[in-house]
PDB file of N, CA and C in Angstrom:
ATOM      1  N   UNK A   1      -6.969  -3.712   9.294  1.00  0.00           N
ATOM      2  CA  UNK A   1      -6.809  -4.272   7.952  1.00  0.00           C
ATOM      3  C   UNK A   1      -8.131  -4.918   7.555  1.00  0.00           C
ATOM      4  N   UNK A   2      -8.657  -4.536   6.410  1.00  0.00           N
ATOM      5  CA  UNK A   2      -9.935  -5.094   5.978  1.00  0.00           C
ATOM      6  C   UNK A   2      -9.855  -6.605   5.789  1.00  0.00           C
ATOM      7  N   UNK A   3     -11.000  -7.245   5.915  1.00  0.00           N
ATOM      8  CA  UNK A   3     -11.043  -8.698   5.749  1.00  0.00           C
ATOM      9  C   UNK A   3     -10.912  -9.101   4.287  1.00  0.00           C
ATOM     10  N   UNK A   4     -10.879  -8.132   3.395  1.00  0.00           N
ATOM     11  CA  UNK A   4     -10.761  -8.404   1.968  1.00  0.00           C
ATOM     12  C   UNK A   4      -9.534  -9.265   1.654  1.00  0.00           C
ATOM     13  N   UNK A   5      -8.450  -9.056   2.372  1.00  0.00           N
ATOM     14  CA  UNK A   5      -7.214  -9.777   2.082  1.00  0.00           C
ATOM     15  C   UNK A   5      -7.069 -11.050   2.897  1.00  0.00           C
ATOM     16  N   UNK A   6      -8.016 -11.335   3.760  1.00  0.00           N
ATOM     17  CA  UNK A   6      -8.019 -12.586   4.504  1.00  0.00           C
ATOM     18  C   UNK A   6      -6.736 -12.826   5.260  1.00  0.00           C
ATOM     19  N   UNK A   7      -6.071 -13.905   4.908  1.00  0.00           N
ATOM     20  CA  UNK A   7      -4.861 -14.316   5.623  1.00  0.00           C
ATOM     21  C   UNK A   7      -3.582 -13.831   4.944  1.00  0.00           C
ATOM     22  N   UNK A   8      -3.675 -12.876   4.051  1.00  0.00           N
ATOM     23  CA  UNK A   8      -2.486 -12.388   3.349  1.00  0.00           C
ATOM     24  C   UNK A   8      -1.482 -11.761   4.306  1.00  0.00           C
ATOM     25  N   UNK A   9      -1.998 -11.080   5.344  1.00  0.00           N
ATOM     26  CA  UNK A   9      -1.124 -10.385   6.291  1.00  0.00           C
ATOM     27  C   UNK A   9      -1.503 -10.797   7.703  1.00  0.00           C
ATOM     28  N   UNK A  10      -0.502 -11.223   8.470  1.00  0.00           N
ATOM     29  CA  UNK A  10      -0.694 -11.555   9.880  1.00  0.00           C
ATOM     30  C   UNK A  10      -0.591 -10.252  10.679  1.00  0.00           C
ATOM     31  N   UNK A  11      -1.678  -9.839  11.286  1.00  0.00           N
ATOM     32  CA  UNK A  11      -1.715  -8.549  11.984  1.00  0.00           C
ATOM     33  C   UNK A  11      -0.665  -8.438  13.086  1.00  0.00           C
ATOM     34  N   UNK A  12      -0.485  -9.497  13.841  1.00  0.00           N
ATOM     35  CA  UNK A  12       0.485  -9.467  14.948  1.00  0.00           C
ATOM     36  C   UNK A  12       1.903  -9.258  14.420  1.00  0.00           C
ATOM     37  N   UNK A  13       2.246 -10.004  13.385  1.00  0.00           N
ATOM     38  CA  UNK A  13       3.583  -9.861  12.794  1.00  0.00           C
ATOM     39  C   UNK A  13       3.756  -8.502  12.127  1.00  0.00           C
ATOM     40  N   UNK A  14       2.686  -8.012  11.482  1.00  0.00           N
ATOM     41  CA  UNK A  14       2.762  -6.694  10.847  1.00  0.00           C
ATOM     42  C   UNK A  14       2.972  -5.617  11.907  1.00  0.00           C
ATOM     43  N   UNK A  15       2.291  -5.736  13.035  1.00  0.00           N
ATOM     44  CA  UNK A  15       2.468  -4.759  14.117  1.00  0.00           C
ATOM     45  C   UNK A  15       3.928  -4.744  14.577  1.00  0.00           C
ATOM     46  N   UNK A  16       4.526  -5.922  14.703  1.00  0.00           N
ATOM     47  CA  UNK A  16       5.940  -5.998  15.090  1.00  0.00           C
ATOM     48  C   UNK A  16       6.843  -5.385  14.020  1.00  0.00           C
ATOM     49  N   UNK A  17       6.536  -5.672  12.753  1.00  0.00           N
ATOM     50  CA  UNK A  17       7.321  -5.098  11.655  1.00  0.00           C
ATOM     51  C   UNK A  17       7.242  -3.578  11.667  1.00  0.00           C
ATOM     52  N   UNK A  18       6.055  -3.044  11.928  1.00  0.00           N
ATOM     53  CA  UNK A  18       5.895  -1.588  11.961  1.00  0.00           C
ATOM     54  C   UNK A  18       6.608  -0.969  13.156  1.00  0.00           C
ATOM     55  N   UNK A  19       6.684  -1.704  14.264  1.00  0.00           N
ATOM     56  CA  UNK A  19       7.442  -1.213  15.417  1.00  0.00           C
ATOM     57  C   UNK A  19       8.938  -1.181  15.108  1.00  0.00           C
ATOM     58  N   UNK A  20       9.402  -2.089  14.238  1.00  0.00           N
ATOM     59  CA  UNK A  20      10.814  -2.146  13.856  1.00  0.00           C
ATOM     60  C   UNK A  20      11.145  -1.197  12.703  1.00  0.00           C
ATOM     61  N   UNK A  21      10.121  -0.566  12.121  1.00  0.00           N
ATOM     62  CA  UNK A  21      10.318   0.300  10.956  1.00  0.00           C
ATOM     63  C   UNK A  21      11.314   1.433  11.199  1.00  0.00           C
ATOM     64  N   UNK A  22      11.295   2.125  12.353  1.00  0.00           N
ATOM     65  CA  UNK A  22      12.306   3.178  12.561  1.00  0.00           C
ATOM     66  C   UNK A  22      13.741   2.655  12.495  1.00  0.00           C
ATOM     67  N   UNK A  23      13.962   1.422  12.971  1.00  0.00           N
ATOM     68  CA  UNK A  23      15.296   0.817  12.871  1.00  0.00           C
ATOM     69  C   UNK A  23      15.664   0.556  11.417  1.00  0.00           C
ATOM     70  N   UNK A  24      14.684   0.100  10.639  1.00  0.00           N
ATOM     71  CA  UNK A  24      14.913  -0.163   9.224  1.00  0.00           C
ATOM     72  C   UNK A  24      15.294   1.120   8.493  1.00  0.00           C
ATOM     73  N   UNK A  25      14.625   2.201   8.856  1.00  0.00           N
ATOM     74  CA  UNK A  25      14.840   3.474   8.170  1.00  0.00           C
ATOM     75  C   UNK A  25      16.022   4.253   8.748  1.00  0.00           C
ATOM     76  N   UNK A  26      16.702   3.734   9.727  1.00  0.00           N
ATOM     77  CA  UNK A  26      17.855   4.396  10.361  1.00  0.00           C
ATOM     78  C   UNK A  26      17.514   5.808  10.848  1.00  0.00           C
ATOM     79  N   UNK A  27      16.315   5.955  11.376  1.00  0.00           N
ATOM     80  CA  UNK A  27      15.908   7.238  11.928  1.00  0.00           C
ATOM     81  C   UNK A  27      15.471   8.263  10.899  1.00  0.00           C
ATOM     82  N   UNK A  28      15.537   7.913   9.618  1.00  0.00           N
ATOM     83  CA  UNK A  28      15.124   8.823   8.545  1.00  0.00           C
ATOM     84  C   UNK A  28      13.613   8.670   8.344  1.00  0.00           C
ATOM     85  N   UNK A  29      12.912   9.777   8.241  1.00  0.00           N
ATOM     86  CA  UNK A  29      11.467   9.743   8.030  1.00  0.00           C
ATOM     87  C   UNK A  29      11.162   9.221   6.627  1.00  0.00           C
ATOM     88  N   UNK A  30      10.320   8.191   6.551  1.00  0.00           N
ATOM     89  CA  UNK A  30       9.914   7.654   5.250  1.00  0.00           C
ATOM     90  C   UNK A  30       8.838   8.545   4.670  1.00  0.00           C
ATOM     91  N   UNK A  31       9.104   9.114   3.504  1.00  0.00           N
ATOM     92  CA  UNK A  31       8.143  10.001   2.877  1.00  0.00           C
ATOM     93  C   UNK A  31       7.192   9.285   1.935  1.00  0.00           C
ATOM     94  N   UNK A  32       7.668   8.195   1.337  1.00  0.00           N
ATOM     95  CA  UNK A  32       6.855   7.469   0.368  1.00  0.00           C
ATOM     96  C   UNK A  32       7.029   5.965   0.557  1.00  0.00           C
ATOM     97  N   UNK A  33       6.184   5.223  -0.120  1.00  0.00           N
ATOM     98  CA  UNK A  33       6.307   3.761  -0.120  1.00  0.00           C
ATOM     99  C   UNK A  33       7.641   3.362  -0.740  1.00  0.00           C
ATOM    100  N   UNK A  34       8.087   4.133  -1.719  1.00  0.00           N
ATOM    101  CA  UNK A  34       9.367   3.839  -2.373  1.00  0.00           C
ATOM    102  C   UNK A  34      10.533   3.914  -1.394  1.00  0.00           C
ATOM    103  N   UNK A  35      10.469   4.832  -0.433  1.00  0.00           N
ATOM    104  CA  UNK A  35      11.526   4.941   0.578  1.00  0.00           C
ATOM    105  C   UNK A  35      11.629   3.664   1.401  1.00  0.00           C
ATOM    106  N   UNK A  36      10.484   3.154   1.820  1.00  0.00           N
ATOM    107  CA  UNK A  36      10.464   1.927   2.631  1.00  0.00           C
ATOM    108  C   UNK A  36      10.897   0.741   1.784  1.00  0.00           C
ATOM    109  N   UNK A  37      10.424   0.692   0.537  1.00  0.00           N
ATOM    110  CA  UNK A  37      10.803  -0.404  -0.359  1.00  0.00           C
ATOM    111  C   UNK A  37      12.313  -0.421  -0.591  1.00  0.00           C
ATOM    112  N   UNK A  38      12.900   0.734  -0.814  1.00  0.00           N
ATOM    113  CA  UNK A  38      14.352   0.823  -1.034  1.00  0.00           C
ATOM    114  C   UNK A  38      15.114   0.351   0.202  1.00  0.00           C
ATOM    115  N   UNK A  39      14.635   0.710   1.388  1.00  0.00           N
ATOM    116  CA  UNK A  39      15.288   0.270   2.622  1.00  0.00           C
ATOM    117  C   UNK A  39      15.202  -1.244   2.770  1.00  0.00           C
ATOM    118  N   UNK A  40      14.070  -1.820   2.396  1.00  0.00           N
ATOM    119  CA  UNK A  40      13.914  -3.277   2.464  1.00  0.00           C
ATOM    120  C   UNK A  40      14.835  -3.977   1.472  1.00  0.00           C
ATOM    121  N   UNK A  41      14.907  -3.455   0.259  1.00  0.00           N
ATOM    122  CA  UNK A  41      15.768  -4.060  -0.767  1.00  0.00           C
ATOM    123  C   UNK A  41      17.229  -4.004  -0.336  1.00  0.00           C
ATOM    124  N   UNK A  42      17.619  -2.910   0.306  1.00  0.00           N
ATOM    125  CA  UNK A  42      19.005  -2.753   0.749  1.00  0.00           C
ATOM    126  C   UNK A  42      19.397  -3.775   1.811  1.00  0.00           C
ATOM    127  N   UNK A  43      18.417  -4.351   2.488  1.00  0.00           N
ATOM    128  CA  UNK A  43      18.719  -5.359   3.520  1.00  0.00           C
ATOM    129  C   UNK A  43      19.208  -6.677   2.928  1.00  0.00           C
ATOM    130  N   UNK A  44      18.906  -6.912   1.667  1.00  0.00           N
ATOM    131  CA  UNK A  44      19.281  -8.181   1.057  1.00  0.00           C
ATOM    132  C   UNK A  44      18.464  -9.315   1.657  1.00  0.00           C
ATOM    133  N   UNK A  45      19.082 -10.471   1.913  1.00  0.00           N
ATOM    134  CA  UNK A  45      18.348 -11.609   2.448  1.00  0.00           C
ATOM    135  C   UNK A  45      17.719 -11.349   3.830  1.00  0.00           C
ATOM    136  N   UNK A  46      18.240 -10.382   4.554  1.00  0.00           N
ATOM    137  CA  UNK A  46      17.707 -10.082   5.889  1.00  0.00           C
ATOM    138  C   UNK A  46      16.322  -9.445   5.822  1.00  0.00           C
ATOM    139  N   UNK A  47      15.875  -9.084   4.616  1.00  0.00           N
ATOM    140  CA  UNK A  47      14.551  -8.467   4.498  1.00  0.00           C
ATOM    141  C   UNK A  47      13.435  -9.440   4.876  1.00  0.00           C
ATOM    142  N   UNK A  48      13.785 -10.732   4.983  1.00  0.00           N
ATOM    143  CA  UNK A  48      12.786 -11.711   5.426  1.00  0.00           C
ATOM    144  C   UNK A  48      12.290 -11.407   6.832  1.00  0.00           C
ATOM    145  N   UNK A  49      13.070 -10.647   7.600  1.00  0.00           N
ATOM    146  CA  UNK A  49      12.632 -10.235   8.934  1.00  0.00           C
ATOM    147  C   UNK A  49      11.406  -9.327   8.852  1.00  0.00           C
ATOM    148  N   UNK A  50      11.217  -8.680   7.717  1.00  0.00           N
ATOM    149  CA  UNK A  50      10.107  -7.756   7.506  1.00  0.00           C
ATOM    150  C   UNK A  50       9.111  -8.335   6.503  1.00  0.00           C
ATOM    151  N   UNK A  51       8.826  -9.608   6.595  1.00  0.00           N
ATOM    152  CA  UNK A  51       7.969 -10.299   5.629  1.00  0.00           C
ATOM    153  C   UNK A  51       6.577  -9.714   5.506  1.00  0.00           C
ATOM    154  N   UNK A  52       5.954  -9.405   6.631  1.00  0.00           N
ATOM    155  CA  UNK A  52       4.592  -8.865   6.588  1.00  0.00           C
ATOM    156  C   UNK A  52       4.579  -7.443   6.023  1.00  0.00           C
ATOM    157  N   UNK A  53       5.589  -6.669   6.342  1.00  0.00           N
ATOM    158  CA  UNK A  53       5.698  -5.316   5.798  1.00  0.00           C
ATOM    159  C   UNK A  53       5.877  -5.380   4.285  1.00  0.00           C
ATOM    160  N   UNK A  54       6.688  -6.323   3.818  1.00  0.00           N
ATOM    161  CA  UNK A  54       6.895  -6.496   2.379  1.00  0.00           C
ATOM    162  C   UNK A  54       5.586  -6.891   1.694  1.00  0.00           C
ATOM    163  N   UNK A  55       4.827  -7.770   2.312  1.00  0.00           N
ATOM    164  CA  UNK A  55       3.532  -8.175   1.763  1.00  0.00           C
ATOM    165  C   UNK A  55       2.584  -6.985   1.694  1.00  0.00           C
ATOM    166  N   UNK A  56       2.559  -6.178   2.753  1.00  0.00           N
ATOM    167  CA  UNK A  56       1.709  -4.991   2.768  1.00  0.00           C
ATOM    168  C   UNK A  56       2.102  -4.020   1.651  1.00  0.00           C
ATOM    169  N   UNK A  57       3.397  -3.838   1.434  1.00  0.00           N
ATOM    170  CA  UNK A  57       3.853  -2.946   0.368  1.00  0.00           C
ATOM    171  C   UNK A  57       3.414  -3.458  -1.003  1.00  0.00           C
ATOM    172  N   UNK A  58       3.480  -4.759  -1.199  1.00  0.00           N
ATOM    173  CA  UNK A  58       3.040  -5.353  -2.468  1.00  0.00           C
ATOM    174  C   UNK A  58       1.550  -5.098  -2.666  1.00  0.00           C
ATOM    175  N   UNK A  59       0.759  -5.330  -1.611  1.00  0.00           N
ATOM    176  CA  UNK A  59      -0.688  -5.102  -1.711  1.00  0.00           C
ATOM    177  C   UNK A  59      -0.997  -3.635  -2.003  1.00  0.00           C
ATOM    178  N   UNK A  60      -0.272  -2.732  -1.366  1.00  0.00           N
ATOM    179  CA  UNK A  60      -0.493  -1.313  -1.607  1.00  0.00           C
ATOM    180  C   UNK A  60      -0.173  -0.919  -3.044  1.00  0.00           C
ATOM    181  N   UNK A  61       0.842  -1.543  -3.607  1.00  0.00           N
ATOM    182  CA  UNK A  61       1.212  -1.227  -4.987  1.00  0.00           C
ATOM    183  C   UNK A  61       0.221  -1.819  -5.985  1.00  0.00           C
ATOM    184  N   UNK A  62      -0.472  -2.876  -5.593  1.00  0.00           N
ATOM    185  CA  UNK A  62      -1.422  -3.522  -6.497  1.00  0.00           C
ATOM    186  C   UNK A  62      -2.800  -2.876  -6.469  1.00  0.00           C
ATOM    187  N   UNK A  63      -3.114  -2.151  -5.402  1.00  0.00           N
ATOM    188  CA  UNK A  63      -4.429  -1.515  -5.300  1.00  0.00           C
ATOM    189  C   UNK A  63      -4.539  -0.391  -6.325  1.00  0.00           C
ATOM    190  N   UNK A  64      -5.662  -0.319  -7.011  1.00  0.00           N
ATOM    191  CA  UNK A  64      -5.823   0.791  -7.956  1.00  0.00           C
ATOM    192  C   UNK A  64      -5.958   2.112  -7.203  1.00  0.00           C
ATOM    193  N   UNK A  65      -5.404   3.158  -7.771  1.00  0.00           N
ATOM    194  CA  UNK A  65      -5.487   4.469  -7.129  1.00  0.00           C
ATOM    195  C   UNK A  65      -6.889   5.051  -7.251  1.00  0.00           C
ATOM    196  N   UNK A  66      -7.604   4.646  -8.279  1.00  0.00           N
ATOM    197  CA  UNK A  66      -8.972   5.108  -8.470  1.00  0.00           C
ATOM    198  C   UNK A  66      -9.841   3.934  -8.863  1.00  0.00           C
ATOM    199  N   UNK A  67     -11.104   4.149  -8.796  1.00  0.00           N
ATOM    200  CA  UNK A  67     -12.063   3.132  -9.209  1.00  0.00           C
ATOM    201  C   UNK A  67     -12.596   3.501 -10.585  1.00  0.00           C
ATOM    202  N   UNK A  68     -12.416   2.625 -11.546  1.00  0.00           N
ATOM    203  CA  UNK A  68     -12.884   2.933 -12.896  1.00  0.00           C
ATOM    204  C   UNK A  68     -14.404   3.024 -12.934  1.00  0.00           C
ATOM    205  N   UNK A  69     -15.058   2.263 -12.050  1.00  0.00           N
ATOM    206  CA  UNK A  69     -16.512   2.335 -12.019  1.00  0.00           C
ATOM    207  C   UNK A  69     -16.962   3.746 -11.621  1.00  0.00           C
ATOM    208  N   UNK A  70     -16.315   4.299 -10.619  1.00  0.00           N
ATOM    209  CA  UNK A  70     -16.657   5.661 -10.193  1.00  0.00           C
ATOM    210  C   UNK A  70     -16.339   6.665 -11.291  1.00  0.00           C
ATOM    211  N   UNK A  71     -15.205   6.477 -11.959  1.00  0.00           N
ATOM    212  CA  UNK A  71     -14.839   7.393 -13.043  1.00  0.00           C
ATOM    213  C   UNK A  71     -15.854   7.340 -14.175  1.00  0.00           C
ATOM    214  N   UNK A  72     -16.304   6.138 -14.514  1.00  0.00           N
ATOM    215  CA  UNK A  72     -17.310   6.001 -15.568  1.00  0.00           C
ATOM    216  C   UNK A  72     -18.618   6.677 -15.163  1.00  0.00           C
ATOM    217  N   UNK A  73     -19.000   6.518 -13.904  1.00  0.00           N
ATOM    218  CA  UNK A  73     -20.235   7.130 -13.423  1.00  0.00           C
ATOM    219  C   UNK A  73     -20.179   8.639 -13.542  1.00  0.00           C
ATOM    220  N   UNK A  74     -19.073   9.239 -13.110  1.00  0.00           N
ATOM    221  CA  UNK A  74     -18.938  10.691 -13.208  1.00  0.00           C
ATOM    222  C   UNK A  74     -18.900  11.142 -14.662  1.00  0.00           C
ATOM    223  N   UNK A  75     -18.238  10.353 -15.495  1.00  0.00           N
ATOM    224  CA  UNK A  75     -18.140  10.709 -16.898  1.00  0.00           C
ATOM    225  C   UNK A  75     -19.519  10.692 -17.549  1.00  0.00           C
ATOM    226  N   UNK A  76     -20.305   9.653 -17.287  1.00  0.00           N
ATOM    227  CA  UNK A  76     -21.641   9.582 -17.884  1.00  0.00           C
ATOM    228  C   UNK A  76     -22.550  10.653 -17.291  1.00  0.00           C
ATOM    229  N   UNK A  77     -22.356  10.995 -16.021  1.00  0.00           N
ATOM    230  CA  UNK A  77     -23.131  12.054 -15.398  1.00  0.00           C
ATOM    231  C   UNK A  77     -22.832  13.388 -16.076  1.00  0.00           C
ATOM    232  N   UNK A  78     -21.555  13.644 -16.348  1.00  0.00           N
ATOM    233  CA  UNK A  78     -21.185  14.878 -17.051  1.00  0.00           C
ATOM    234  C   UNK A  78     -21.833  14.939 -18.437  1.00  0.00           C
ATOM    235  N   UNK A  79     -21.820  13.815 -19.152  1.00  0.00           N
ATOM    236  CA  UNK A  79     -22.436  13.781 -20.481  1.00  0.00           C
ATOM    237  C   UNK A  79     -23.938  14.040 -20.385  1.00  0.00           C
ATOM    238  N   UNK A  80     -24.562  13.448 -19.382  1.00  0.00           N
ATOM    239  CA  UNK A  80     -25.989  13.604 -19.183  1.00  0.00           C
ATOM    240  C   UNK A  80     -26.338  15.068 -18.881  1.00  0.00           C
ATOM    241  N   UNK A  81     -25.571  15.705 -18.028  1.00  0.00           N
ATOM    242  CA  UNK A  81     -25.802  17.102 -17.678  1.00  0.00           C
ATOM    243  C   UNK A  81     -25.567  17.989 -18.892  1.00  0.00           C
ATOM    244  N   UNK A  82     -24.534  17.679 -19.694  1.00  0.00           N
ATOM    245  CA  UNK A  82     -24.226  18.464 -20.891  1.00  0.00           C
ATOM    246  C   UNK A  82     -25.375  18.386 -21.896  1.00  0.00           C
ATOM    247  N   UNK A  83     -25.953  17.190 -22.056  1.00  0.00           N
ATOM    248  CA  UNK A  83     -27.043  16.988 -23.006  1.00  0.00           C
ATOM    249  C   UNK A  83     -28.291  17.746 -22.562  1.00  0.00           C
ATOM    250  N   UNK A  84     -28.523  17.830 -21.256  1.00  0.00           N
ATOM    251  CA  UNK A  84     -29.706  18.517 -20.754  1.00  0.00           C
ATOM    252  C   UNK A  84     -29.653  20.029 -20.993  1.00  0.00           C
ATOM    253  N   UNK A  85     -28.492  20.596 -21.064  1.00  0.00           N
ATOM    254  CA  UNK A  85     -28.362  22.046 -21.239  1.00  0.00           C
ATOM    255  C   UNK A  85     -28.727  22.413 -22.584  1.00  0.00           C
TER     256      UNK A  85
END
């Protein structure tokens, strides 16, 4: 886990949560983050047992899928190449 998030996630507790993940999923393979989130929500108040996993899911949902800076760079590069032709 990158140091970017500092103390947001306790690695030791997250490792334990990930070891318990097959029990949470009842042996069903999780295909998406939504699958794991739905399993956590279904636990009700007991989802506190998976606190670090829940925090990780929140962080994953908040991360941008792309970098706008990179997109802008490629876009301006395309314009620059188009103008040169």
